[in-house]
N, C-alpha and C. Protein backbone atom coordinates (compact mmCIF):
# COMPACT_ATOMS: atom_id res chain seq x y z
N MET A 1 -25.21 164.67 -64.67
CA MET A 1 -24.04 164.95 -64.16
C MET A 1 -25.01 166.38 -63.23
N LYS A 2 -25.50 166.88 -64.71
CA LYS A 2 -26.76 168.39 -63.85
C LYS A 2 -27.06 168.14 -62.31
N LYS A 3 -27.94 167.11 -62.54
CA LYS A 3 -29.15 166.66 -61.33
C LYS A 3 -27.87 166.04 -59.95
N PHE A 4 -26.98 165.81 -60.42
CA PHE A 4 -25.77 165.39 -58.95
C PHE A 4 -25.87 167.15 -58.11
N ILE A 5 -25.00 168.10 -58.44
CA ILE A 5 -24.81 168.99 -58.41
C ILE A 5 -25.74 170.07 -57.03
N PRO A 6 -27.04 169.77 -57.48
CA PRO A 6 -27.95 170.80 -56.55
C PRO A 6 -28.18 169.45 -55.29
N ILE A 7 -28.28 168.54 -55.65
CA ILE A 7 -28.07 167.24 -54.70
C ILE A 7 -26.97 166.91 -54.15
N LEU A 8 -25.91 167.63 -53.80
CA LEU A 8 -24.98 167.34 -53.30
C LEU A 8 -24.61 169.01 -52.90
N PHE A 9 -24.87 169.77 -53.19
CA PHE A 9 -25.26 171.09 -52.38
C PHE A 9 -26.53 171.04 -51.84
N CYS A 10 -26.99 170.20 -51.78
CA CYS A 10 -28.06 170.54 -50.49
C CYS A 10 -27.65 169.37 -49.40
N LEU A 11 -27.17 168.32 -49.53
CA LEU A 11 -26.78 166.96 -48.58
C LEU A 11 -25.38 168.29 -47.92
N ILE A 12 -24.94 168.74 -48.34
CA ILE A 12 -23.51 169.55 -47.65
C ILE A 12 -24.22 170.80 -47.04
N CYS A 13 -25.14 171.89 -47.16
CA CYS A 13 -25.79 172.16 -46.77
C CYS A 13 -26.34 171.80 -45.72
N PHE A 14 -27.32 170.77 -45.43
CA PHE A 14 -27.52 169.68 -44.06
C PHE A 14 -26.61 169.24 -43.60
N SER A 15 -25.34 169.30 -44.01
CA SER A 15 -24.36 169.20 -42.76
C SER A 15 -23.54 169.54 -42.15
N VAL A 16 -23.51 171.07 -42.67
CA VAL A 16 -22.84 171.81 -41.72
C VAL A 16 -23.50 172.64 -41.17
N ASN A 17 -24.73 172.34 -40.88
CA ASN A 17 -26.09 173.08 -39.96
C ASN A 17 -25.34 172.62 -38.36
N ALA A 18 -25.92 173.31 -37.83
CA ALA A 18 -25.69 173.10 -35.94
C ALA A 18 -25.66 171.22 -35.63
N GLN A 19 -25.46 170.58 -35.22
CA GLN A 19 -25.71 169.37 -35.12
C GLN A 19 -27.68 168.77 -34.67
N ASN A 20 -27.35 169.34 -33.41
CA ASN A 20 -29.03 169.71 -33.10
C ASN A 20 -29.98 170.22 -33.58
N ASN A 21 -29.80 170.79 -34.93
CA ASN A 21 -31.19 171.03 -36.17
C ASN A 21 -31.00 170.37 -36.91
N LEU A 22 -30.58 169.25 -37.06
CA LEU A 22 -30.36 168.73 -38.21
C LEU A 22 -31.58 168.37 -38.64
N PRO A 23 -31.61 168.58 -40.35
CA PRO A 23 -33.42 168.46 -40.97
C PRO A 23 -33.46 167.60 -40.96
N VAL A 24 -32.90 166.81 -41.51
CA VAL A 24 -32.64 165.28 -41.70
C VAL A 24 -32.06 164.35 -40.59
N LYS A 25 -32.08 162.95 -40.11
CA LYS A 25 -32.33 162.88 -38.59
C LYS A 25 -30.83 161.97 -39.65
N ILE A 26 -29.45 161.78 -38.59
CA ILE A 26 -28.74 160.84 -39.16
C ILE A 26 -28.15 159.86 -38.20
N TYR A 27 -27.88 158.66 -38.31
CA TYR A 27 -28.17 158.16 -36.97
C TYR A 27 -26.81 157.47 -37.18
N GLY A 28 -26.07 157.28 -35.72
CA GLY A 28 -24.93 157.29 -35.66
C GLY A 28 -24.13 158.53 -35.64
N ARG A 29 -24.11 159.21 -36.33
CA ARG A 29 -23.01 160.30 -36.78
C ARG A 29 -22.00 161.00 -35.60
N VAL A 30 -20.94 161.11 -35.51
CA VAL A 30 -19.96 161.13 -34.63
C VAL A 30 -19.29 162.75 -35.60
N ASP A 31 -18.47 162.57 -34.59
CA ASP A 31 -17.66 164.33 -34.93
C ASP A 31 -16.57 163.79 -35.30
N CYS A 32 -15.83 164.08 -35.80
CA CYS A 32 -14.11 164.20 -36.64
C CYS A 32 -13.05 164.08 -35.36
N GLY A 33 -13.60 164.80 -34.15
CA GLY A 33 -13.11 164.23 -32.83
C GLY A 33 -13.38 163.16 -32.34
N GLU A 34 -14.36 162.50 -33.00
CA GLU A 34 -14.31 160.32 -32.53
C GLU A 34 -13.99 160.10 -33.24
N TRP A 35 -14.37 160.43 -34.54
CA TRP A 35 -13.75 159.61 -35.56
C TRP A 35 -11.55 159.02 -35.33
N LEU A 36 -11.30 159.99 -35.42
CA LEU A 36 -10.39 159.92 -35.10
C LEU A 36 -9.81 159.30 -33.25
N SER A 37 -10.30 160.06 -32.08
CA SER A 37 -10.00 159.63 -30.88
C SER A 37 -11.19 158.40 -30.49
N PRO A 38 -11.23 157.27 -30.76
CA PRO A 38 -12.82 156.63 -30.35
C PRO A 38 -12.61 155.84 -28.59
N PRO A 39 -14.15 156.73 -27.94
CA PRO A 39 -13.52 156.09 -27.53
C PRO A 39 -12.96 154.32 -27.02
N SER A 40 -13.39 153.76 -27.38
CA SER A 40 -12.34 152.02 -27.53
C SER A 40 -12.69 152.06 -28.90
N GLU A 41 -12.05 150.65 -28.70
CA GLU A 41 -11.64 149.82 -30.01
C GLU A 41 -13.61 149.26 -30.01
N VAL A 42 -14.17 149.20 -30.12
CA VAL A 42 -15.37 148.78 -30.62
C VAL A 42 -16.01 150.38 -30.99
N GLN A 43 -15.93 151.31 -30.62
CA GLN A 43 -16.25 152.21 -31.46
C GLN A 43 -15.88 152.53 -32.43
N ARG A 44 -14.64 152.30 -32.82
CA ARG A 44 -13.65 152.52 -34.13
C ARG A 44 -14.43 151.60 -34.65
N ILE A 45 -14.69 150.42 -34.70
CA ILE A 45 -15.13 149.45 -35.73
C ILE A 45 -16.60 150.01 -36.25
N ALA A 46 -17.19 150.34 -34.71
CA ALA A 46 -18.75 150.80 -35.40
C ALA A 46 -18.58 151.99 -36.06
N ASN A 47 -17.54 152.97 -35.98
CA ASN A 47 -17.20 154.24 -36.83
C ASN A 47 -17.41 153.48 -37.74
N GLN A 48 -16.18 152.98 -38.60
CA GLN A 48 -16.00 152.53 -39.83
C GLN A 48 -17.11 151.48 -40.35
N TYR A 49 -18.06 150.82 -39.79
CA TYR A 49 -19.13 149.98 -40.27
C TYR A 49 -20.12 150.80 -40.58
N TRP A 50 -20.09 153.06 -39.81
CA TRP A 50 -21.28 153.57 -40.11
C TRP A 50 -20.40 153.65 -41.58
N LEU A 51 -19.58 154.42 -41.79
CA LEU A 51 -19.02 155.14 -42.83
C LEU A 51 -19.24 154.32 -44.22
N LEU A 52 -18.93 152.71 -44.17
CA LEU A 52 -18.93 151.70 -45.10
C LEU A 52 -20.94 152.02 -45.47
N GLY A 53 -21.07 152.04 -44.15
CA GLY A 53 -22.81 151.77 -44.61
C GLY A 53 -23.17 153.33 -45.23
N TYR A 54 -23.09 154.11 -45.24
CA TYR A 54 -23.33 155.73 -45.58
C TYR A 54 -22.34 155.60 -47.42
N LEU A 55 -21.67 155.12 -47.18
CA LEU A 55 -20.69 155.28 -48.28
C LEU A 55 -21.14 154.74 -49.32
N THR A 56 -22.10 152.83 -48.61
CA THR A 56 -22.77 152.47 -49.99
C THR A 56 -24.10 152.68 -49.87
N GLY A 57 -24.74 153.38 -49.27
CA GLY A 57 -26.43 154.45 -49.55
C GLY A 57 -26.27 155.66 -50.05
N VAL A 58 -24.63 155.97 -50.46
CA VAL A 58 -24.70 157.57 -50.83
C VAL A 58 -24.37 156.80 -52.50
N ASN A 59 -23.65 155.68 -52.57
CA ASN A 59 -23.40 155.18 -53.98
C ASN A 59 -24.09 154.72 -54.77
N ALA A 60 -25.18 153.79 -53.55
CA ALA A 60 -26.62 153.95 -54.51
C ALA A 60 -27.86 154.10 -55.27
N MET A 61 -27.54 156.00 -54.17
CA MET A 61 -28.35 156.70 -54.93
C MET A 61 -27.80 156.64 -56.31
N LEU A 62 -26.33 156.98 -55.88
CA LEU A 62 -25.79 158.11 -57.84
C LEU A 62 -26.00 156.76 -58.47
N MET A 63 -26.45 155.67 -58.34
CA MET A 63 -26.48 154.65 -59.14
C MET A 63 -28.08 154.41 -59.69
N THR A 64 -28.81 154.88 -59.55
CA THR A 64 -30.26 154.87 -59.24
C THR A 64 -30.54 155.44 -60.60
N PRO A 65 -31.59 155.26 -62.30
CA PRO A 65 -31.64 155.47 -63.37
C PRO A 65 -31.57 157.00 -63.26
N THR A 66 -32.57 157.47 -61.92
CA THR A 66 -32.93 159.10 -62.50
C THR A 66 -31.31 160.04 -62.43
N MET A 67 -30.27 159.62 -61.19
CA MET A 67 -28.88 160.03 -61.35
C MET A 67 -27.94 159.39 -62.26
N ASN A 68 -28.19 158.29 -62.42
CA ASN A 68 -27.03 157.29 -63.47
C ASN A 68 -25.88 157.75 -63.39
N ILE A 69 -25.02 158.33 -62.11
CA ILE A 69 -23.46 158.90 -61.96
C ILE A 69 -22.54 157.00 -62.45
N GLY A 70 -23.13 156.41 -61.79
CA GLY A 70 -22.30 154.99 -61.99
C GLY A 70 -21.58 154.76 -60.67
N ASN A 71 -20.73 153.97 -60.17
CA ASN A 71 -20.60 153.09 -59.10
C ASN A 71 -19.12 153.86 -58.63
N VAL A 72 -19.56 154.73 -58.04
CA VAL A 72 -18.30 155.85 -58.02
C VAL A 72 -17.14 154.82 -56.99
N LEU A 73 -17.59 154.39 -56.13
CA LEU A 73 -17.63 153.65 -54.72
C LEU A 73 -16.25 152.23 -55.84
N GLY A 74 -16.78 152.29 -57.13
CA GLY A 74 -15.64 150.91 -57.54
C GLY A 74 -13.96 151.42 -57.80
N TRP A 75 -13.70 152.87 -57.69
CA TRP A 75 -13.03 153.53 -57.28
C TRP A 75 -12.27 153.05 -56.50
N LEU A 76 -12.44 152.80 -55.22
CA LEU A 76 -11.44 152.08 -53.89
C LEU A 76 -11.11 150.81 -54.03
N ASN A 77 -9.62 150.51 -53.62
CA ASN A 77 -9.63 148.79 -53.57
C ASN A 77 -9.74 148.13 -52.36
N SER A 78 -10.00 148.93 -51.31
CA SER A 78 -10.44 147.97 -50.04
C SER A 78 -10.98 149.35 -49.37
N PRO A 79 -12.06 148.99 -48.02
CA PRO A 79 -12.47 150.26 -46.86
C PRO A 79 -11.10 150.25 -46.34
N LYS A 80 -10.34 149.70 -46.25
CA LYS A 80 -9.13 150.78 -45.72
C LYS A 80 -9.24 152.02 -46.08
N GLN A 81 -8.11 151.79 -47.82
CA GLN A 81 -8.22 153.15 -48.46
C GLN A 81 -9.36 154.83 -47.96
N ALA A 82 -10.80 154.02 -47.75
CA ALA A 82 -11.49 154.77 -47.60
C ALA A 82 -11.76 155.67 -45.42
N PHE A 83 -10.92 154.54 -44.79
CA PHE A 83 -11.09 154.81 -43.59
C PHE A 83 -9.42 156.09 -43.13
N ALA A 84 -8.44 155.96 -44.15
CA ALA A 84 -7.24 156.31 -44.65
C ALA A 84 -7.68 157.99 -44.83
N TRP A 85 -8.78 157.42 -45.98
CA TRP A 85 -8.68 159.00 -46.85
C TRP A 85 -9.66 159.61 -44.96
N MET A 86 -11.03 158.96 -44.33
CA MET A 86 -11.15 159.98 -43.42
C MET A 86 -10.22 160.14 -42.62
N ASP A 87 -9.89 159.31 -42.34
CA ASP A 87 -8.47 159.90 -41.25
C ASP A 87 -7.88 161.33 -41.61
N LYS A 88 -7.04 161.65 -42.62
CA LYS A 88 -6.56 162.55 -43.45
C LYS A 88 -8.01 163.80 -42.86
N TYR A 89 -9.24 163.14 -43.57
CA TYR A 89 -9.83 164.32 -43.74
C TYR A 89 -10.32 165.37 -42.55
N CYS A 90 -10.50 164.06 -41.47
CA CYS A 90 -10.80 165.12 -39.96
C CYS A 90 -9.69 165.57 -39.51
N ARG A 91 -8.77 164.84 -39.83
CA ARG A 91 -7.27 165.79 -39.11
C ARG A 91 -7.28 166.87 -39.61
N GLU A 92 -7.03 166.96 -41.23
CA GLU A 92 -7.31 168.44 -41.86
C GLU A 92 -8.95 169.35 -41.32
N ASN A 93 -9.75 168.82 -41.32
CA ASN A 93 -11.58 169.39 -41.19
C ASN A 93 -11.64 168.99 -39.33
N PRO A 94 -11.08 168.81 -38.20
CA PRO A 94 -10.96 168.83 -36.97
C PRO A 94 -12.25 168.97 -36.42
N LEU A 95 -13.02 170.50 -37.17
CA LEU A 95 -14.55 170.80 -37.12
C LEU A 95 -15.90 170.06 -37.91
N SER A 96 -15.40 169.44 -38.08
CA SER A 96 -16.47 168.64 -39.21
C SER A 96 -17.07 167.25 -39.01
N THR A 97 -17.57 166.68 -40.11
CA THR A 97 -17.94 165.18 -39.27
C THR A 97 -17.94 164.02 -40.40
N PRO A 98 -18.13 162.86 -40.36
CA PRO A 98 -17.25 162.16 -41.53
C PRO A 98 -18.21 162.07 -42.15
N ASP A 99 -19.35 161.98 -42.03
CA ASP A 99 -20.84 161.91 -43.40
C ASP A 99 -20.22 162.86 -44.06
N LEU A 100 -20.40 164.31 -43.87
CA LEU A 100 -20.01 165.45 -45.01
C LEU A 100 -18.62 165.18 -45.47
N GLY A 101 -17.11 164.35 -45.17
CA GLY A 101 -16.45 163.94 -45.78
C GLY A 101 -17.02 163.12 -46.64
N GLY A 102 -17.36 162.09 -46.06
CA GLY A 102 -17.85 160.84 -46.84
C GLY A 102 -18.66 161.05 -48.17
N LEU A 103 -18.88 162.65 -48.23
CA LEU A 103 -20.13 163.13 -49.43
C LEU A 103 -18.55 164.00 -50.74
N THR A 104 -17.97 164.22 -49.45
CA THR A 104 -16.75 165.05 -50.03
C THR A 104 -15.36 164.11 -50.73
N LEU A 105 -15.48 162.59 -50.40
CA LEU A 105 -14.79 161.36 -50.75
C LEU A 105 -15.74 161.03 -51.87
N MET A 106 -16.80 160.93 -52.07
CA MET A 106 -17.70 160.74 -53.30
C MET A 106 -17.34 161.39 -54.70
N ASN A 107 -17.62 162.10 -53.97
CA ASN A 107 -17.24 164.06 -54.98
C ASN A 107 -15.91 163.68 -55.54
N GLU A 108 -14.77 163.49 -55.15
CA GLU A 108 -13.39 163.12 -55.42
C GLU A 108 -13.22 162.05 -56.09
N LEU A 109 -14.34 160.94 -55.32
CA LEU A 109 -14.06 159.66 -56.49
C LEU A 109 -14.65 160.00 -57.65
N ARG A 110 -15.24 160.56 -57.88
CA ARG A 110 -16.41 160.82 -59.18
C ARG A 110 -15.38 162.25 -59.93
N LYS A 111 -14.44 162.12 -59.95
CA LYS A 111 -13.71 163.30 -60.41
C LYS A 111 -12.84 162.39 -61.45
């Protein structure tokens, strides 16, 4: 648990940097504006699959023996819950990004 907080802090700090100067490459990153109003149905679906992959990757990291936080995503009943949560997050934080929202969701589920 104590190891999770510094890692989460670092991930959040990386996420709030200017998008053009990210120290870590995040493929498929969009902003909350594009999450809420994608230019096409294909892009909406791509954004949703990106979110599922991102959450799965973070969840896998949290389940490693060194972190041993557990299966945080196990608290969700369906992917639609993650999409609805992200819709709400992006409406409330229009200048943010879904990757930061995903970390926020994982932190909420961990509680």
